[in-house]
C-alpha atoms as a PDB file:
ATOM      1  CA  MET A   1     -78.846  13.944 -77.291  1.00  0.00           C
ATOM      2  CA  ASP A   2     -80.641  12.685 -74.165  1.00  0.00           C
ATOM      3  CA  LEU A   3     -80.487  14.084 -70.663  1.00  0.00           C
ATOM      4  CA  ASN A   4     -81.392  12.413 -67.361  1.00  0.00           C
ATOM      5  CA  ARG A   5     -80.513  14.860 -64.578  1.00  0.00           C
ATOM      6  CA  VAL A   6     -82.273  15.696 -61.323  1.00  0.00           C
ATOM      7  CA  MET A   7     -81.445  18.492 -58.865  1.00  0.00           C
ATOM      8  CA  LEU A   8     -83.225  18.616 -55.509  1.00  0.00           C
ATOM      9  CA  ILE A   9     -82.988  20.721 -52.361  1.00  0.00           C
ATOM     10  CA  GLY A  10     -84.830  19.303 -49.398  1.00  0.00           C
ATOM     11  CA  THR A  11     -84.807  17.795 -45.945  1.00  0.00           C
ATOM     12  CA  VAL A  12     -83.548  14.293 -45.176  1.00  0.00           C
ATOM     13  CA  VAL A  13     -86.500  12.413 -43.645  1.00  0.00           C
ATOM     14  CA  THR A  14     -84.826   9.086 -42.836  1.00  0.00           C
ATOM     15  CA  ASP A  15     -81.410   8.409 -41.366  1.00  0.00           C
ATOM     16  CA  PRO A  16     -79.137   7.084 -44.129  1.00  0.00           C
ATOM     17  CA  GLU A  17     -78.628   3.310 -44.217  1.00  0.00           C
ATOM     18  CA  MET A  18     -75.335   2.006 -45.577  1.00  0.00           C
ATOM     19  CA  ARG A  19     -74.870  -1.531 -46.853  1.00  0.00           C
ATOM     20  CA  PHE A  20     -72.311  -3.308 -48.975  1.00  0.00           C
ATOM     21  CA  THR A  21     -72.784  -5.293 -52.164  1.00  0.00           C
ATOM     22  CA  PRO A  22     -71.320  -8.815 -52.354  1.00  0.00           C
ATOM     23  CA  ASN A  23     -68.337  -7.338 -54.237  1.00  0.00           C
ATOM     24  CA  GLY A  24     -67.716  -4.786 -51.437  1.00  0.00           C
ATOM     25  CA  ALA A  25     -69.169  -1.597 -52.938  1.00  0.00           C
ATOM     26  CA  ALA A  26     -70.762   0.735 -50.382  1.00  0.00           C
ATOM     27  CA  VAL A  27     -74.350   1.839 -51.059  1.00  0.00           C
ATOM     28  CA  THR A  28     -76.299   4.283 -48.896  1.00  0.00           C
ATOM     29  CA  THR A  29     -80.004   5.035 -49.172  1.00  0.00           C
ATOM     30  CA  PHE A  30     -82.128   7.771 -47.624  1.00  0.00           C
ATOM     31  CA  ARG A  31     -85.352   9.661 -48.307  1.00  0.00           C
ATOM     32  CA  LEU A  32     -85.550  13.370 -49.057  1.00  0.00           C
ATOM     33  CA  VAL A  33     -88.629  15.620 -49.057  1.00  0.00           C
ATOM     34  CA  ALA A  34     -88.850  18.727 -51.229  1.00  0.00           C
ATOM     35  CA  GLY A  35     -91.790  21.103 -51.381  1.00  0.00           C
ATOM     36  CA  ARG A  36     -93.151  23.807 -53.567  1.00  0.00           C
ATOM     37  CA  ASN A  37     -95.496  26.655 -52.755  1.00  0.00           C
ATOM     38  CA  TYR A  38     -98.254  27.734 -55.100  1.00  0.00           C
ATOM     39  CA  SER A  39    -101.478  29.710 -55.159  1.00  0.00           C
ATOM     40  CA  ALA A  40    -104.681  27.716 -55.497  1.00  0.00           C
ATOM     41  CA  PRO A  41    -107.435  28.990 -57.830  1.00  0.00           C
ATOM     42  CA  ASP A  42    -109.186  30.492 -54.770  1.00  0.00           C
ATOM     43  CA  GLY A  43    -106.044  32.551 -54.015  1.00  0.00           C
ATOM     44  CA  GLU A  44    -105.041  30.525 -50.973  1.00  0.00           C
ATOM     45  CA  ARG A  45    -101.317  29.727 -50.630  1.00  0.00           C
ATOM     46  CA  ARG A  46    -100.626  25.991 -50.492  1.00  0.00           C
ATOM     47  CA  GLU A  47     -97.614  23.747 -50.182  1.00  0.00           C
ATOM     48  CA  GLU A  48     -97.121  20.491 -52.023  1.00  0.00           C
ATOM     49  CA  ARG A  49     -94.455  18.040 -50.844  1.00  0.00           C
ATOM     50  CA  GLU A  50     -92.803  15.247 -52.802  1.00  0.00           C
ATOM     51  CA  PHE A  51     -90.728  12.426 -51.308  1.00  0.00           C
ATOM     52  CA  PHE A  52     -87.704  10.987 -53.125  1.00  0.00           C
ATOM     53  CA  SER A  53     -85.664   7.836 -52.555  1.00  0.00           C
ATOM     54  CA  VAL A  54     -81.950   8.587 -52.965  1.00  0.00           C
ATOM     55  CA  VAL A  55     -79.228   6.002 -53.642  1.00  0.00           C
ATOM     56  CA  VAL A  56     -75.545   6.882 -53.250  1.00  0.00           C
ATOM     57  CA  TRP A  57     -72.606   4.631 -54.200  1.00  0.00           C
ATOM     58  CA  ASN A  58     -68.988   4.070 -53.138  1.00  0.00           C
ATOM     59  CA  LYS A  59     -67.012   6.858 -51.346  1.00  0.00           C
ATOM     60  CA  LEU A  60     -69.932   9.277 -51.598  1.00  0.00           C
ATOM     61  CA  ALA A  61     -72.105   6.627 -49.907  1.00  0.00           C
ATOM     62  CA  GLU A  62     -69.647   6.416 -47.019  1.00  0.00           C
ATOM     63  CA  THR A  63     -69.546  10.214 -46.633  1.00  0.00           C
ATOM     64  CA  CYS A  64     -73.340  10.527 -46.665  1.00  0.00           C
ATOM     65  CA  SER A  65     -73.697   7.674 -44.176  1.00  0.00           C
ATOM     66  CA  GLN A  66     -71.228   9.372 -41.840  1.00  0.00           C
ATOM     67  CA  TYR A  67     -72.474  12.981 -42.011  1.00  0.00           C
ATOM     68  CA  LEU A  68     -76.123  13.052 -43.107  1.00  0.00           C
ATOM     69  CA  GLN A  69     -78.935  12.453 -40.682  1.00  0.00           C
ATOM     70  CA  LYS A  70     -82.681  12.919 -40.457  1.00  0.00           C
ATOM     71  CA  GLY A  71     -83.563  16.617 -40.381  1.00  0.00           C
ATOM     72  CA  ARG A  72     -80.482  17.858 -42.275  1.00  0.00           C
ATOM     73  CA  ARG A  73     -80.928  19.957 -45.404  1.00  0.00           C
ATOM     74  CA  ALA A  74     -79.199  18.752 -48.557  1.00  0.00           C
ATOM     75  CA  PHE A  75     -78.792  19.423 -52.256  1.00  0.00           C
ATOM     76  CA  VAL A  76     -78.780  16.226 -54.307  1.00  0.00           C
ATOM     77  CA  GLU A  77     -77.823  16.049 -57.969  1.00  0.00           C
ATOM     78  CA  GLY A  78     -78.010  12.865 -59.992  1.00  0.00           C
ATOM     79  CA  ARG A  79     -80.145  10.862 -62.377  1.00  0.00           C
ATOM     80  CA  LEU A  80     -83.441   8.989 -62.171  1.00  0.00           C
ATOM     81  CA  GLN A  81     -83.387   5.206 -62.309  1.00  0.00           C
ATOM     82  CA  THR A  82     -86.297   2.783 -62.069  1.00  0.00           C
ATOM     83  CA  ARG A  83     -85.632  -0.736 -60.882  1.00  0.00           C
ATOM     84  CA  SER A  84     -88.007  -3.654 -60.592  1.00  0.00           C
ATOM     85  CA  TRP A  85     -88.159  -6.887 -58.630  1.00  0.00           C
ATOM     86  CA  GLU A  86     -90.628  -9.600 -57.785  1.00  0.00           C
ATOM     87  CA  GLY A  87     -92.196  -9.243 -54.332  1.00  0.00           C
ATOM     88  CA  GLN A  88     -92.828 -12.109 -51.920  1.00  0.00           C
ATOM     89  CA  ASP A  89     -96.415 -12.188 -53.165  1.00  0.00           C
ATOM     90  CA  GLY A  90     -95.215 -12.776 -56.742  1.00  0.00           C
ATOM     91  CA  GLN A  91     -96.208  -9.280 -57.908  1.00  0.00           C
ATOM     92  CA  ARG A  92     -93.790  -7.148 -59.928  1.00  0.00           C
ATOM     93  CA  ARG A  93     -92.704  -4.069 -57.913  1.00  0.00           C
ATOM     94  CA  TYR A  94     -91.130  -0.866 -59.223  1.00  0.00           C
ATOM     95  CA  ARG A  95     -89.226   1.946 -57.546  1.00  0.00           C
ATOM     96  CA  THR A  96     -87.934   5.132 -59.119  1.00  0.00           C
ATOM     97  CA  GLU A  97     -84.873   6.480 -57.316  1.00  0.00           C
ATOM     98  CA  VAL A  98     -82.433   9.345 -57.608  1.00  0.00           C
ATOM     99  CA  VAL A  99     -78.929   7.930 -58.090  1.00  0.00           C
ATOM    100  CA  ALA A 100     -76.833  10.761 -56.648  1.00  0.00           C
ATOM    101  CA  GLN A 101     -73.544  11.882 -58.158  1.00  0.00           C
ATOM    102  CA  GLN A 102     -73.225  14.942 -55.897  1.00  0.00           C
ATOM    103  CA  VAL A 103     -74.531  15.793 -52.445  1.00  0.00           C
ATOM    104  CA  LEU A 104     -74.091  19.176 -50.745  1.00  0.00           C
ATOM    105  CA  PHE A 105     -74.786  19.493 -47.022  1.00  0.00           C
ATOM    106  CA  LEU A 106     -76.664  22.786 -46.636  1.00  0.00           C
ATOM    107  CA  ASP A 107     -76.680  23.187 -42.871  1.00  0.00           C
ATOM    108  CA  ARG A 108     -74.343  22.520 -40.013  1.00  0.00           C
ATOM    109  CA  PRO A 109     -74.441  19.168 -38.256  1.00  0.00           C
ATOM    110  CA  SER A 110     -75.420  19.067 -34.600  1.00  0.00           C
ATOM    111  CA  ALA A 111     -71.965  17.782 -33.569  1.00  0.00           C
ATOM    112  CA  GLY A 112     -68.594  17.390 -35.260  1.00  0.00           C
ATOM    113  CA  ALA A 113     -67.299  18.822 -38.481  1.00  0.00           C
ATOM    114  CA  ALA A 114     -68.621  17.669 -41.815  1.00  0.00           C
ATOM    115  CA  PRO A 115     -67.484  18.478 -45.309  1.00  0.00           C
ATOM    116  CA  ALA A 116     -69.750  20.963 -47.032  1.00  0.00           C
ATOM    117  CA  GLU A 117     -69.680  18.983 -50.252  1.00  0.00           C
ATOM    118  CA  ALA A 118     -69.386  15.393 -51.321  1.00  0.00           C
ATOM    119  CA  GLN A 119     -69.074  14.361 -54.934  1.00  0.00           C
ATOM    120  CA  GLN A 120     -68.603  11.150 -56.835  1.00  0.00           C
ATOM    121  CA  GLU A 121     -65.123  11.321 -58.358  1.00  0.00           C
ATOM    122  CA  GLY A 122     -64.792   9.262 -61.507  1.00  0.00           C
ATOM    123  CA  GLU A 123     -66.474   6.241 -59.948  1.00  0.00           C
ATOM    124  CA  THR A 124     -68.902   4.205 -61.953  1.00  0.00           C
ATOM    125  CA  ASP A 125     -72.310   3.196 -60.694  1.00  0.00           C
ATOM    126  CA  SER A 126     -72.758  -0.445 -59.841  1.00  0.00           C
ATOM    127  CA  SER A 127     -75.164  -2.409 -61.947  1.00  0.00           C
ATOM    128  CA  ASP A 128     -78.653  -3.374 -60.795  1.00  0.00           C
ATOM    129  CA  GLU A 129     -77.596  -6.930 -59.973  1.00  0.00           C
ATOM    130  CA  ASP A 130     -75.130  -5.495 -57.448  1.00  0.00           C
ATOM    131  CA  PHE A 131     -77.968  -3.854 -55.522  1.00  0.00           C
ATOM    132  CA  PRO A 132     -77.849  -5.607 -52.136  1.00  0.00           C
ATOM    133  CA  PHE A 133     -81.500  -5.422 -51.100  1.00  0.00           C
ATOM    134  CA  GLU A 134     -85.063  -5.002 -52.210  1.00  0.00           C
ATOM    135  CA  SER A 135     -87.565  -2.596 -50.762  1.00  0.00           C
END
């Protein structure tokens, strides 16, 4: 049995961008940073940060677009997916992303009420050819 599952807690570092595929499916993307603290061999405490690209589909995409914003804390659960495309210079490009199935908002928004949890409910992910843009 195989398993492809990612769970992250971090800070949203870009405002979510929502777009629609040609068939009308909503897709929202944002970046999340998560860090870890560790002790270096010399005993000094250090922090290492990792940035993640997150892709959210359908109703969950709409919810994230509406309530998430740069600076908010979030829990993201999903799977890793790597997609590829040919850049304008003819070079093959690759991007590994977290395709989120669940997003929890861990802090309160600056204004308005937001749901504390958003989760994909029985919706299927769109295929790669439905992806509306290249990065």
